Amino acid sequence: MKNAPEPQTDTLAETENYLVWVADEPDGERTYHLELGNLTVHFFHEEWDEFLELVKGLKKGK
């Protein structure tokens, strides 16, 4: 069995409890990963853009 190429990853943001990283997959797809403690949410590029719009709509203290 051939060794499949590994995705290239990069950390976009990190705090003590949370991590956001991106992976450029060997097939050319870019995926985003949001780690929230024990939960990891995976996004394709279009989903990530929509998620960022959602977060921008949040208001502090509301």
PDB file of N, CA and C in Angstrom:
ATOM      1  N   MET A   1       0.846  -1.182   0.000  1.00  0.00           N
ATOM      2  CA  MET A   1       0.000   0.000   0.000  1.00  0.00           C
ATOM      3  C   MET A   1       0.884   1.234   0.000  1.00  0.00           C
ATOM      4  N   LYS A   2       0.597   2.167  -0.881  1.00  0.00           N
ATOM      5  CA  LYS A   2       1.372   3.402  -0.953  1.00  0.00           C
ATOM      6  C   LYS A   2       1.053   4.297   0.230  1.00  0.00           C
ATOM      7  N   ASN A   3       2.039   5.078   0.622  1.00  0.00           N
ATOM      8  CA  ASN A   3       1.795   6.090   1.655  1.00  0.00           C
ATOM      9  C   ASN A   3       1.113   7.281   1.011  1.00  0.00           C
ATOM     10  N   ALA A   4      -0.057   7.624   1.517  1.00  0.00           N
ATOM     11  CA  ALA A   4      -0.791   8.778   0.993  1.00  0.00           C
ATOM     12  C   ALA A   4      -0.101  10.050   1.452  1.00  0.00           C
ATOM     13  N   PRO A   5      -0.048  11.073   0.602  1.00  0.00           N
ATOM     14  CA  PRO A   5       0.566  12.335   1.021  1.00  0.00           C
ATOM     15  C   PRO A   5      -0.206  12.960   2.180  1.00  0.00           C
ATOM     16  N   GLU A   6       0.514  13.555   3.082  1.00  0.00           N
ATOM     17  CA  GLU A   6      -0.091  14.219   4.230  1.00  0.00           C
ATOM     18  C   GLU A   6      -0.514  15.638   3.845  1.00  0.00           C
ATOM     19  N   PRO A   7      -1.623  16.119   4.414  1.00  0.00           N
ATOM     20  CA  PRO A   7      -2.014  17.509   4.155  1.00  0.00           C
ATOM     21  C   PRO A   7      -1.034  18.471   4.820  1.00  0.00           C
ATOM     22  N   GLN A   8      -0.894  19.648   4.234  1.00  0.00           N
ATOM     23  CA  GLN A   8      -0.086  20.705   4.825  1.00  0.00           C
ATOM     24  C   GLN A   8      -0.989  21.497   5.761  1.00  0.00           C
ATOM     25  N   THR A   9      -0.576  21.664   7.017  1.00  0.00           N
ATOM     26  CA  THR A   9      -1.427  22.343   7.995  1.00  0.00           C
ATOM     27  C   THR A   9      -0.757  23.598   8.518  1.00  0.00           C
ATOM     28  N   ASP A  10      -1.611  24.522   9.002  1.00  0.00           N
ATOM     29  CA  ASP A  10      -1.121  25.765   9.573  1.00  0.00           C
ATOM     30  C   ASP A  10      -2.113  26.224  10.633  1.00  0.00           C
ATOM     31  N   THR A  11      -1.609  26.658  11.777  1.00  0.00           N
ATOM     32  CA  THR A  11      -2.453  27.180  12.833  1.00  0.00           C
ATOM     33  C   THR A  11      -2.820  28.626  12.508  1.00  0.00           C
ATOM     34  N   LEU A  12      -4.118  28.944  12.532  1.00  0.00           N
ATOM     35  CA  LEU A  12      -4.588  30.295  12.254  1.00  0.00           C
ATOM     36  C   LEU A  12      -4.751  31.115  13.522  1.00  0.00           C
ATOM     37  N   ALA A  13      -5.205  30.476  14.614  1.00  0.00           N
ATOM     38  CA  ALA A  13      -5.407  31.166  15.887  1.00  0.00           C
ATOM     39  C   ALA A  13      -5.436  30.118  16.994  1.00  0.00           C
ATOM     40  N   GLU A  14      -4.979  30.538  18.177  1.00  0.00           N
ATOM     41  CA  GLU A  14      -4.933  29.603  19.287  1.00  0.00           C
ATOM     42  C   GLU A  14      -5.028  30.358  20.606  1.00  0.00           C
ATOM     43  N   THR A  15      -5.823  29.820  21.519  1.00  0.00           N
ATOM     44  CA  THR A  15      -5.872  30.310  22.890  1.00  0.00           C
ATOM     45  C   THR A  15      -5.580  29.105  23.788  1.00  0.00           C
ATOM     46  N   GLU A  16      -5.710  29.311  25.082  1.00  0.00           N
ATOM     47  CA  GLU A  16      -5.447  28.207  26.011  1.00  0.00           C
ATOM     48  C   GLU A  16      -6.396  27.030  25.774  1.00  0.00           C
ATOM     49  N   ASN A  17      -7.640  27.315  25.377  1.00  0.00           N
ATOM     50  CA  ASN A  17      -8.645  26.261  25.251  1.00  0.00           C
ATOM     51  C   ASN A  17      -9.129  25.992  23.834  1.00  0.00           C
ATOM     52  N   TYR A  18      -8.805  26.870  22.886  1.00  0.00           N
ATOM     53  CA  TYR A  18      -9.353  26.747  21.544  1.00  0.00           C
ATOM     54  C   TYR A  18      -8.251  26.837  20.491  1.00  0.00           C
ATOM     55  N   LEU A  19      -8.526  26.208  19.346  1.00  0.00           N
ATOM     56  CA  LEU A  19      -7.550  26.190  18.263  1.00  0.00           C
ATOM     57  C   LEU A  19      -8.284  26.212  16.929  1.00  0.00           C
ATOM     58  N   VAL A  20      -7.790  27.006  15.994  1.00  0.00           N
ATOM     59  CA  VAL A  20      -8.295  27.015  14.623  1.00  0.00           C
ATOM     60  C   VAL A  20      -7.109  26.737  13.715  1.00  0.00           C
ATOM     61  N   TRP A  21      -7.267  25.714  12.865  1.00  0.00           N
ATOM     62  CA  TRP A  21      -6.182  25.387  11.938  1.00  0.00           C
ATOM     63  C   TRP A  21      -6.758  25.052  10.576  1.00  0.00           C
ATOM     64  N   VAL A  22      -5.912  25.170   9.580  1.00  0.00           N
ATOM     65  CA  VAL A  22      -6.305  24.937   8.195  1.00  0.00           C
ATOM     66  C   VAL A  22      -5.434  23.823   7.626  1.00  0.00           C
ATOM     67  N   ALA A  23      -6.023  23.033   6.734  1.00  0.00           N
ATOM     68  CA  ALA A  23      -5.280  21.962   6.066  1.00  0.00           C
ATOM     69  C   ALA A  23      -5.463  22.101   4.565  1.00  0.00           C
ATOM     70  N   ASP A  24      -4.352  22.124   3.852  1.00  0.00           N
ATOM     71  CA  ASP A  24      -4.391  22.064   2.392  1.00  0.00           C
ATOM     72  C   ASP A  24      -4.202  20.598   2.025  1.00  0.00           C
ATOM     73  N   GLU A  25      -5.291  19.980   1.595  1.00  0.00           N
ATOM     74  CA  GLU A  25      -5.298  18.548   1.305  1.00  0.00           C
ATOM     75  C   GLU A  25      -4.563  18.261  -0.004  1.00  0.00           C
ATOM     76  N   PRO A  26      -4.045  17.044  -0.150  1.00  0.00           N
ATOM     77  CA  PRO A  26      -3.336  16.685  -1.388  1.00  0.00           C
ATOM     78  C   PRO A  26      -4.189  16.821  -2.653  1.00  0.00           C
ATOM     79  N   ASP A  27      -5.524  16.723  -2.513  1.00  0.00           N
ATOM     80  CA  ASP A  27      -6.391  16.845  -3.685  1.00  0.00           C
ATOM     81  C   ASP A  27      -6.704  18.297  -4.040  1.00  0.00           C
ATOM     82  N   GLY A  28      -6.100  19.259  -3.293  1.00  0.00           N
ATOM     83  CA  GLY A  28      -6.295  20.667  -3.572  1.00  0.00           C
ATOM     84  C   GLY A  28      -7.379  21.321  -2.737  1.00  0.00           C
ATOM     85  N   GLU A  29      -8.151  20.545  -2.013  1.00  0.00           N
ATOM     86  CA  GLU A  29      -9.213  21.089  -1.156  1.00  0.00           C
ATOM     87  C   GLU A  29      -8.588  21.716   0.084  1.00  0.00           C
ATOM     88  N   ARG A  30      -9.139  22.835   0.526  1.00  0.00           N
ATOM     89  CA  ARG A  30      -8.705  23.473   1.778  1.00  0.00           C
ATOM     90  C   ARG A  30      -9.810  23.252   2.799  1.00  0.00           C
ATOM     91  N   THR A  31      -9.451  22.741   3.965  1.00  0.00           N
ATOM     92  CA  THR A  31     -10.412  22.523   5.034  1.00  0.00           C
ATOM     93  C   THR A  31      -9.979  23.286   6.267  1.00  0.00           C
ATOM     94  N   TYR A  32     -10.979  23.717   7.039  1.00  0.00           N
ATOM     95  CA  TYR A  32     -10.746  24.476   8.262  1.00  0.00           C
ATOM     96  C   TYR A  32     -11.246  23.649   9.438  1.00  0.00           C
ATOM     97  N   HIS A  33     -10.548  23.757  10.565  1.00  0.00           N
ATOM     98  CA  HIS A  33     -10.843  22.934  11.725  1.00  0.00           C
ATOM     99  C   HIS A  33     -10.871  23.825  12.957  1.00  0.00           C
ATOM    100  N   LEU A  34     -11.979  23.744  13.677  1.00  0.00           N
ATOM    101  CA  LEU A  34     -12.196  24.544  14.873  1.00  0.00           C
ATOM    102  C   LEU A  34     -12.261  23.584  16.056  1.00  0.00           C
ATOM    103  N   GLU A  35     -11.264  23.634  16.933  1.00  0.00           N
ATOM    104  CA  GLU A  35     -11.211  22.759  18.098  1.00  0.00           C
ATOM    105  C   GLU A  35     -11.672  23.531  19.330  1.00  0.00           C
ATOM    106  N   LEU A  36     -12.747  23.038  19.925  1.00  0.00           N
ATOM    107  CA  LEU A  36     -13.354  23.658  21.102  1.00  0.00           C
ATOM    108  C   LEU A  36     -13.345  22.621  22.219  1.00  0.00           C
ATOM    109  N   GLY A  37     -12.259  22.544  22.959  1.00  0.00           N
ATOM    110  CA  GLY A  37     -12.142  21.520  23.986  1.00  0.00           C
ATOM    111  C   GLY A  37     -12.168  20.142  23.349  1.00  0.00           C
ATOM    112  N   ASN A  38     -13.162  19.318  23.725  1.00  0.00           N
ATOM    113  CA  ASN A  38     -13.276  17.956  23.202  1.00  0.00           C
ATOM    114  C   ASN A  38     -13.981  17.873  21.856  1.00  0.00           C
ATOM    115  N   LEU A  39     -14.445  18.990  21.344  1.00  0.00           N
ATOM    116  CA  LEU A  39     -15.208  19.026  20.102  1.00  0.00           C
ATOM    117  C   LEU A  39     -14.365  19.634  18.983  1.00  0.00           C
ATOM    118  N   THR A  40     -14.327  18.964  17.838  1.00  0.00           N
ATOM    119  CA  THR A  40     -13.690  19.530  16.652  1.00  0.00           C
ATOM    120  C   THR A  40     -14.726  19.619  15.548  1.00  0.00           C
ATOM    121  N   VAL A  41     -14.853  20.803  14.952  1.00  0.00           N
ATOM    122  CA  VAL A  41     -15.782  21.026  13.850  1.00  0.00           C
ATOM    123  C   VAL A  41     -14.945  21.229  12.587  1.00  0.00           C
ATOM    124  N   HIS A  42     -15.296  20.504  11.536  1.00  0.00           N
ATOM    125  CA  HIS A  42     -14.571  20.565  10.268  1.00  0.00           C
ATOM    126  C   HIS A  42     -15.420  21.306   9.244  1.00  0.00           C
ATOM    127  N   PHE A  43     -14.788  22.209   8.499  1.00  0.00           N
ATOM    128  CA  PHE A  43     -15.485  23.018   7.501  1.00  0.00           C
ATOM    129  C   PHE A  43     -14.775  22.917   6.156  1.00  0.00           C
ATOM    130  N   PHE A  44     -15.553  22.837   5.077  1.00  0.00           N
ATOM    131  CA  PHE A  44     -15.003  23.092   3.756  1.00  0.00           C
ATOM    132  C   PHE A  44     -14.949  24.601   3.580  1.00  0.00           C
ATOM    133  N   HIS A  45     -14.250  25.080   2.558  1.00  0.00           N
ATOM    134  CA  HIS A  45     -14.001  26.507   2.377  1.00  0.00           C
ATOM    135  C   HIS A  45     -15.295  27.330   2.382  1.00  0.00           C
ATOM    136  N   GLU A  46     -16.308  26.895   1.630  1.00  0.00           N
ATOM    137  CA  GLU A  46     -17.558  27.649   1.542  1.00  0.00           C
ATOM    138  C   GLU A  46     -18.258  27.701   2.901  1.00  0.00           C
ATOM    139  N   GLU A  47     -18.215  26.599   3.621  1.00  0.00           N
ATOM    140  CA  GLU A  47     -18.825  26.547   4.954  1.00  0.00           C
ATOM    141  C   GLU A  47     -18.089  27.462   5.916  1.00  0.00           C
ATOM    142  N   TRP A  48     -16.777  27.514   5.799  1.00  0.00           N
ATOM    143  CA  TRP A  48     -15.966  28.366   6.670  1.00  0.00           C
ATOM    144  C   TRP A  48     -16.317  29.836   6.447  1.00  0.00           C
ATOM    145  N   ASP A  49     -16.449  30.232   5.186  1.00  0.00           N
ATOM    146  CA  ASP A  49     -16.824  31.616   4.884  1.00  0.00           C
ATOM    147  C   ASP A  49     -18.167  31.963   5.513  1.00  0.00           C
ATOM    148  N   GLU A  50     -19.118  31.046   5.424  1.00  0.00           N
ATOM    149  CA  GLU A  50     -20.437  31.280   6.018  1.00  0.00           C
ATOM    150  C   GLU A  50     -20.343  31.353   7.541  1.00  0.00           C
ATOM    151  N   PHE A  51     -19.519  30.493   8.145  1.00  0.00           N
ATOM    152  CA  PHE A  51     -19.326  30.505   9.597  1.00  0.00           C
ATOM    153  C   PHE A  51     -18.729  31.831  10.053  1.00  0.00           C
ATOM    154  N   LEU A  52     -17.743  32.349   9.312  1.00  0.00           N
ATOM    155  CA  LEU A  52     -17.138  33.638   9.663  1.00  0.00           C
ATOM    156  C   LEU A  52     -18.169  34.758   9.610  1.00  0.00           C
ATOM    157  N   GLU A  53     -19.061  34.737   8.619  1.00  0.00           N
ATOM    158  CA  GLU A  53     -20.130  35.733   8.549  1.00  0.00           C
ATOM    159  C   GLU A  53     -21.044  35.632   9.769  1.00  0.00           C
ATOM    160  N   LEU A  54     -21.336  34.410  10.188  1.00  0.00           N
ATOM    161  CA  LEU A  54     -22.155  34.198  11.379  1.00  0.00           C
ATOM    162  C   LEU A  54     -21.497  34.796  12.604  1.00  0.00           C
ATOM    163  N   VAL A  55     -20.199  34.546  12.788  1.00  0.00           N
ATOM    164  CA  VAL A  55     -19.468  35.039  13.952  1.00  0.00           C
ATOM    165  C   VAL A  55     -19.408  36.575  13.924  1.00  0.00           C
ATOM    166  N   LYS A  56     -19.221  37.150  12.757  1.00  0.00           N
ATOM    167  CA  LYS A  56     -19.182  38.610  12.653  1.00  0.00           C
ATOM    168  C   LYS A  56     -20.500  39.235  13.095  1.00  0.00           C
ATOM    169  N   GLY A  57     -21.597  38.477  12.967  1.00  0.00           N
ATOM    170  CA  GLY A  57     -22.895  38.978  13.350  1.00  0.00           C
ATOM    171  C   GLY A  57     -23.164  38.937  14.849  1.00  0.00           C
ATOM    172  N   LEU A  58     -22.280  38.304  15.607  1.00  0.00           N
ATOM    173  CA  LEU A  58     -22.460  38.242  17.049  1.00  0.00           C
ATOM    174  C   LEU A  58     -22.153  39.599  17.680  1.00  0.00           C
ATOM    175  N   LYS A  59     -22.873  39.917  18.711  1.00  0.00           N
ATOM    176  CA  LYS A  59     -22.619  41.162  19.426  1.00  0.00           C
ATOM    177  C   LYS A  59     -22.231  40.815  20.858  1.00  0.00           C
ATOM    178  N   LYS A  60     -21.192  41.464  21.367  1.00  0.00           N
ATOM    179  CA  LYS A  60     -20.765  41.245  22.752  1.00  0.00           C
ATOM    180  C   LYS A  60     -21.859  41.692  23.701  1.00  0.00           C
ATOM    181  N   GLY A  61     -22.078  40.893  24.732  1.00  0.00           N
ATOM    182  CA  GLY A  61     -23.020  41.252  25.764  1.00  0.00           C
ATOM    183  C   GLY A  61     -24.481  41.037  25.404  1.00  0.00           C
ATOM    184  N   LYS A  62     -24.753  40.438  24.279  1.00  0.00           N
ATOM    185  CA  LYS A  62     -26.149  40.191  23.869  1.00  0.00           C
ATOM    186  C   LYS A  62     -26.469  38.727  23.988  1.00  0.00           C
TER     187      LYS A  62
END
